Amino acid sequence: MQELSTFILSSIIITLSPGPDIFMVISYSLQKGVKSSIKFIMGLIIGLLIHSLILILGWSNFFSNSEIILFYLKIIGFAYFLCLGIVELYLFVIQSQNKNKLNSSKNLIKQGIIMNITNPKVGLFFWIFFPNFLFSKTIIIPFQYIILCSIFIFQVFIIFLITAYFSTRVSNILKVEFLKPINGLILISLAVYILLS
């Protein structure tokens, strides 16, 4: 069907476009390796599944029209990622002084989930983008959303995995020291992005 073909192409373009999610995947891959990046990607996928469930159950309109809920989501996301960014920079300074490897890759799945859930633009994207690609007058709308969400999440997962793999290869080749504090700066930038979005 033409609608599904257009949807797949549009989804790939949107996934590849610069945004906080793909930047974080690249950042974790460069600094912590592909395994840590995959944990973060799984968190993002779980977040997308939650947004998909909200869309399928018809709650999108409620959430998108509730300014109070969106405001608190922004505040939670801002505070969470600001703290994470500061901790990452602190760990980098401590590691530089002590020359010890510190594990700052914990809870990456949770980070991915919170990043997706607290970014109001992701929810609004699902609510605004997906209805334009309903492809059948005979299939019930919730089932069409299940198909569209499944396609979208699958292509996101594949693209992010490929991105993580090639970013890790670049990291293995370069071994550049200045890459290490980038995570903290990106997390702080993400906090500001969520607050202002």
Foldseek 3Di string as FASTA:
>chain_A
DVLVVVLLVVLLVVLPPDDLLLVLLLLCLLAPNLVLSLLLLLLLLVLLVVLLVCVLVVVLVVCVPDPVNLLVLLVVLLVVLLVLLVVLLVQLVVCVVVVDDDDSSPPSSVVNNSLSNSQVVNSVCLVPPVVVRQDDPPDDPSVSSVVSSVSSSVSSSVVSSVSSVVSNVVSVVPVDPVSRSVSSVSSNVSSVVSNVD
